Protein backbone atom coordinates (compact mmCIF):
# COMPACT_ATOMS: atom_id res chain seq x y z
CA UNK A 1 -14.75 -20.61 -19.68
CA UNK A 2 -11.90 -23.32 -18.93
CA UNK A 3 -13.15 -23.40 -14.71
CA UNK A 4 -11.01 -26.83 -14.40
CA UNK A 5 -7.69 -25.62 -16.02
CA UNK A 6 -8.68 -22.35 -12.86
CA UNK A 7 -8.90 -25.70 -10.46
CA UNK A 8 -5.06 -27.52 -11.44
CA UNK A 9 -3.58 -23.71 -11.49
CA UNK A 10 -5.53 -23.13 -7.88
CA UNK A 11 -4.27 -26.39 -6.25
CA UNK A 12 -0.90 -26.48 -6.79
CA UNK A 13 -0.75 -23.54 -3.87
CA UNK A 14 -0.36 -27.11 -1.86
CA UNK A 15 2.59 -28.26 -3.71
CA UNK A 16 4.25 -24.27 -3.46
CA UNK A 17 3.55 -24.37 0.47
CA UNK A 18 5.01 -27.54 1.08
CA UNK A 19 8.34 -27.54 -0.93
CA UNK A 20 8.73 -23.69 -0.07
CA UNK A 21 9.26 -24.76 3.40
CA UNK A 22 10.47 -28.21 2.97
CA UNK A 23 13.29 -26.59 0.94
CA UNK A 24 13.63 -23.33 1.77
CA UNK A 25 14.03 -23.46 5.56
CA UNK A 26 14.00 -26.87 6.53
CA UNK A 27 16.76 -28.79 4.39
CA UNK A 28 19.44 -25.58 5.02
CA UNK A 29 18.58 -25.32 8.45
CA UNK A 30 17.17 -22.12 8.22
CA UNK A 31 14.08 -21.84 10.91
CA UNK A 32 14.72 -19.93 12.05
CA UNK A 33 17.22 -18.27 9.72
CA UNK A 34 20.93 -17.60 10.85
CA UNK A 35 21.10 -14.09 12.48
CA UNK A 36 22.38 -11.53 10.49
CA UNK A 37 24.70 -10.94 13.55
CA UNK A 38 26.91 -13.78 11.74
CA UNK A 39 30.98 -12.96 11.27
CA UNK A 40 32.40 -13.24 7.90
CA UNK A 41 33.96 -16.53 9.26
CA UNK A 42 30.36 -18.43 10.17
CA UNK A 43 28.67 -17.55 7.06
CA UNK A 44 31.64 -19.39 5.33
CA UNK A 45 31.65 -22.11 7.41
CA UNK A 46 27.29 -22.37 6.46
CA UNK A 47 28.00 -22.80 3.02
CA UNK A 48 30.72 -24.93 2.81
CA UNK A 49 30.03 -28.48 1.51
CA UNK A 50 26.32 -27.88 2.30
CA UNK A 51 25.22 -30.55 -0.40
CA UNK A 52 21.68 -30.52 1.63
CA UNK A 53 21.61 -26.74 1.49
CA UNK A 54 22.14 -26.85 -2.19
CA UNK A 55 19.78 -29.07 -2.58
CA UNK A 56 16.73 -27.32 -0.63
CA UNK A 57 17.50 -24.34 -2.29
CA UNK A 58 17.31 -25.88 -5.46
CA UNK A 59 13.52 -27.48 -4.81
CA UNK A 60 12.72 -23.77 -4.10
CA UNK A 61 13.91 -22.38 -6.72
CA UNK A 62 12.47 -24.93 -9.19
CA UNK A 63 9.02 -25.45 -6.92
CA UNK A 64 8.50 -21.46 -6.12
CA UNK A 65 7.43 -20.32 -9.91
CA UNK A 66 3.89 -21.96 -9.66
CA UNK A 67 2.87 -19.60 -6.75
CA UNK A 68 2.05 -17.97 -9.78
CA UNK A 69 -1.02 -20.30 -10.85
CA UNK A 70 -2.56 -19.31 -7.94
CA UNK A 71 -2.08 -15.94 -8.70
CA UNK A 72 -3.35 -16.66 -12.37
CA UNK A 73 -6.81 -18.47 -10.69
CA UNK A 74 -7.65 -15.91 -8.35
CA UNK A 75 -7.38 -13.01 -11.47
CA UNK A 76 -9.99 -15.12 -13.08
CA UNK A 77 -12.18 -14.99 -10.02
CA UNK A 78 -11.50 -11.17 -9.24
CA UNK A 79 -12.42 -10.40 -13.25
CA UNK A 80 -15.41 -11.75 -12.35
CA UNK A 81 -16.39 -8.95 -9.99
CA UNK A 82 -14.19 -6.56 -12.04
CA UNK A 83 -15.97 -7.04 -15.36
CA UNK A 84 -13.95 -5.12 -18.13
CA UNK A 85 -11.95 -3.03 -16.16
CA UNK A 86 -10.05 -5.74 -14.55
CA UNK A 87 -7.00 -3.67 -12.72
CA UNK A 88 -6.88 -4.41 -9.04
CA UNK A 89 -6.55 -8.72 -10.55
CA UNK A 90 -4.07 -6.92 -13.41
CA UNK A 91 -2.12 -5.43 -10.86
CA UNK A 92 -2.27 -8.15 -7.88
CA UNK A 93 -0.97 -10.54 -10.74
CA UNK A 94 1.68 -8.49 -11.43
CA UNK A 95 2.68 -7.89 -7.61
CA UNK A 96 2.96 -11.68 -7.49
CA UNK A 97 5.07 -12.13 -11.12
CA UNK A 98 7.62 -9.29 -9.02
CA UNK A 99 7.27 -11.74 -5.82
CA UNK A 100 7.86 -14.75 -8.16
CA UNK A 101 11.24 -12.94 -8.88
CA UNK A 102 11.91 -11.62 -5.57
CA UNK A 103 12.03 -15.83 -4.31
CA UNK A 104 13.98 -17.44 -7.51
CA UNK A 105 16.85 -14.68 -7.68
CA UNK A 106 18.18 -15.07 -3.76
CA UNK A 107 17.84 -19.20 -3.99
CA UNK A 108 20.20 -18.42 -7.50
CA UNK A 109 22.58 -16.33 -5.80
CA UNK A 110 22.60 -18.52 -2.89
CA UNK A 111 23.34 -22.06 -5.21
CA UNK A 112 26.00 -20.43 -6.97
CA UNK A 113 28.09 -19.20 -4.04
CA UNK A 114 27.79 -22.99 -2.28
CA UNK A 115 29.00 -23.51 -6.03
CA UNK A 116 31.96 -21.73 -6.19
CA UNK A 117 33.97 -22.86 -3.17
CA UNK A 118 36.92 -20.51 -2.41
CA UNK A 119 35.19 -17.24 -2.26
CA UNK A 120 36.34 -14.49 0.11
CA UNK A 121 33.93 -14.70 3.06
CA UNK A 122 33.45 -10.13 2.09
CA UNK A 123 31.59 -11.83 -1.20
CA UNK A 124 30.00 -14.42 1.06
CA UNK A 125 28.72 -12.11 3.39
CA UNK A 126 27.49 -9.04 0.65
CA UNK A 127 25.39 -11.82 -1.16
CA UNK A 128 24.03 -13.02 1.98
CA UNK A 129 22.79 -10.22 3.15
CA UNK A 130 21.16 -9.39 -0.48
CA UNK A 131 19.47 -12.38 -0.38
CA UNK A 132 17.50 -12.54 2.77
CA UNK A 133 17.48 -8.03 1.62
CA UNK A 134 15.26 -10.24 -1.22
CA UNK A 135 13.43 -12.87 0.54
CA UNK A 136 11.90 -10.79 3.35
CA UNK A 137 12.96 -7.84 3.23
CA UNK A 138 11.20 -7.25 -0.02
CA UNK A 139 7.67 -6.47 0.90
CA UNK A 140 6.52 -4.26 -1.93
CA UNK A 141 5.50 -6.80 -4.35
CA UNK A 142 4.22 -8.55 -1.06
CA UNK A 143 2.26 -6.26 0.81
CA UNK A 144 0.68 -5.15 -2.94
CA UNK A 145 -0.95 -8.33 -3.89
CA UNK A 146 -3.51 -8.52 -1.03
CA UNK A 147 -3.86 -4.81 -0.84
CA UNK A 148 -5.08 -5.13 -4.91
CA UNK A 149 -7.21 -8.61 -3.80
CA UNK A 150 -8.69 -6.63 -0.97
CA UNK A 151 -9.61 -3.64 -3.08
CA UNK A 152 -11.35 -5.26 -5.10
CA UNK A 153 -13.19 -7.58 -3.45
CA UNK A 154 -14.46 -4.87 -0.92
CA UNK A 155 -15.41 -2.14 -4.37
CA UNK A 156 -17.20 -5.10 -5.67
CA UNK A 157 -20.81 -3.40 -6.94
CA UNK A 158 -21.61 -6.79 -8.53
CA UNK A 159 -25.24 -8.77 -7.26
CA UNK A 160 -23.26 -11.77 -6.66
CA UNK A 161 -20.62 -12.63 -3.81
CA UNK A 162 -17.00 -14.27 -5.27
CA UNK A 163 -15.00 -13.99 -2.70
CA UNK A 164 -16.62 -13.33 0.97
CA UNK A 165 -16.33 -9.24 2.22
CA UNK A 166 -14.32 -10.43 5.71
CA UNK A 167 -11.98 -11.66 2.95
CA UNK A 168 -11.57 -8.33 1.64
CA UNK A 169 -10.46 -6.91 5.22
CA UNK A 170 -8.39 -9.93 5.84
CA UNK A 171 -6.48 -9.53 3.14
CA UNK A 172 -5.91 -5.55 3.48
CA UNK A 173 -4.73 -6.81 7.62
CA UNK A 174 -2.35 -8.98 6.05
CA UNK A 175 -0.73 -6.40 3.47
CA UNK A 176 -0.20 -4.37 7.10
CA UNK A 177 1.18 -7.13 9.58
CA UNK A 178 4.25 -7.85 6.21
CA UNK A 179 5.19 -4.21 6.62
CA UNK A 180 7.59 -4.51 9.42
CA UNK A 181 9.89 -6.52 6.42
CA UNK A 182 11.12 -3.15 5.07
CA UNK A 183 13.25 -2.33 8.70
CA UNK A 184 15.44 -5.05 7.74
CA UNK A 185 17.94 -3.48 6.46
CA UNK A 186 17.99 -1.41 9.72
CA UNK A 187 18.69 -4.34 12.18
CA UNK A 188 21.11 -7.09 12.85
CA UNK A 189 19.29 -8.45 16.26
CA UNK A 190 15.82 -7.89 17.67
CA UNK A 191 12.14 -7.95 16.70
CA UNK A 192 12.41 -6.31 13.92
CA UNK A 193 15.86 -8.02 11.88
CA UNK A 194 15.09 -11.27 9.57
CA UNK A 195 15.01 -13.83 12.35
CA UNK A 196 12.85 -11.63 14.59
CA UNK A 197 9.32 -12.65 15.05
CA UNK A 198 8.03 -9.07 13.32
CA UNK A 199 9.79 -9.79 9.89
CA UNK A 200 10.04 -13.30 10.14
CA UNK A 201 8.16 -15.28 12.20
CA UNK A 202 4.98 -13.09 11.71
CA UNK A 203 5.26 -12.36 8.17
CA UNK A 204 5.92 -16.14 7.62
CA UNK A 205 3.51 -17.28 9.65
CA UNK A 206 0.27 -14.99 7.85
CA UNK A 207 1.94 -15.40 4.39
CA UNK A 208 1.40 -19.09 4.25
CA UNK A 209 -1.76 -18.38 6.12
CA UNK A 210 -2.95 -16.11 3.81
CA UNK A 211 -1.53 -18.47 0.91
CA UNK A 212 -4.08 -21.62 2.38
CA UNK A 213 -7.29 -19.13 3.16
CA UNK A 214 -6.91 -17.53 -0.27
CA UNK A 215 -6.52 -21.10 -1.96
CA UNK A 216 -9.72 -22.46 -0.25
CA UNK A 217 -11.67 -19.74 -0.85
CA UNK A 218 -10.55 -19.36 -4.95
CA UNK A 219 -11.52 -22.68 -5.41
CA UNK A 220 -14.69 -22.91 -3.87
CA UNK A 221 -15.16 -19.06 -6.35
CA UNK A 222 -14.83 -21.50 -9.06
CA UNK A 223 -16.81 -24.12 -7.91
CA UNK A 224 -19.50 -21.88 -7.37
CA UNK A 225 -18.72 -20.30 -10.70
CA UNK A 226 -19.14 -23.69 -12.46
CA UNK A 227 -22.83 -24.77 -11.11
CA UNK A 228 -23.81 -21.36 -11.92
CA UNK A 229 -22.55 -22.19 -15.67
CA UNK A 230 -24.13 -24.98 -15.18
CA UNK A 231 -27.30 -24.10 -14.61
CA UNK A 232 -27.13 -21.13 -17.42
CA UNK A 233 -25.87 -24.50 -20.48
CA UNK A 234 -28.95 -26.03 -18.58
CA UNK A 235 -31.35 -23.36 -19.33
CA UNK A 236 -30.13 -22.72 -22.56
CA UNK A 237 -31.02 -26.19 -23.69
CA UNK A 238 -34.70 -26.17 -22.03
CA UNK A 239 -35.64 -22.58 -24.09
CA UNK A 240 -35.21 -24.34 -27.22
CA UNK A 241 -37.58 -27.12 -26.61
CA UNK A 242 -40.53 -25.37 -25.28
CA UNK A 243 -39.73 -23.24 -28.30
CA UNK A 244 -40.46 -26.56 -29.87
CA UNK A 245 -43.09 -27.96 -28.08
CA UNK A 246 -45.27 -24.94 -28.49
CA UNK A 247 -44.95 -25.04 -31.71
CA UNK A 248 -46.40 -28.20 -32.69
CA UNK A 249 -49.21 -27.50 -30.30
CA UNK A 250 -50.08 -24.92 -32.50
């Protein structure tokens, strides 16, 4: 198995984390996000001639698909656990792909409404609501991916430990912490609004912490796989030599 390509995919995580924070939150000035309780006039002002916001969203839209690199590397390592019946590894990969779309579509919608000045305030408010519902409220894929990873790790019957067992429990805990996002459509203020402590600050913190944690342990697992494959190759090279030497002595 080509572990070098796995490492390339895994290391893309660092780029995704940095540029997502910069492009989606810092450049548009959305840390924290604008309040869901804003009136139409405030939403119009937010999108009026905001070049820095558009540049940031364009960066995010371009770079966020690299999240699939980490998901592919995780899949390769989970398949070492599952063997030929790689159900959970496939499930986490599909969840990651859907999650990428849940980030790409809002970025493109925001870019589209900022591309056409003069849209009605009601249209801007509608699209802004839809975008935040997708970015922070579409929690299904975000929950399903760590859930699949956690169940795979904890369900391992293999003698080789690809990931530490505690990381399986950590993934299940992350899935639980992301669930408050489903309440976003029901609140405009408070801790469950899209700029609230549970739906935004907690979700954002644990998600990016999880990305870096699973990245570190995936890279460790890939390096361990490299060492294991090297030992197998070296062992296979020594065996024919020993056979030949025994034949010469005979």
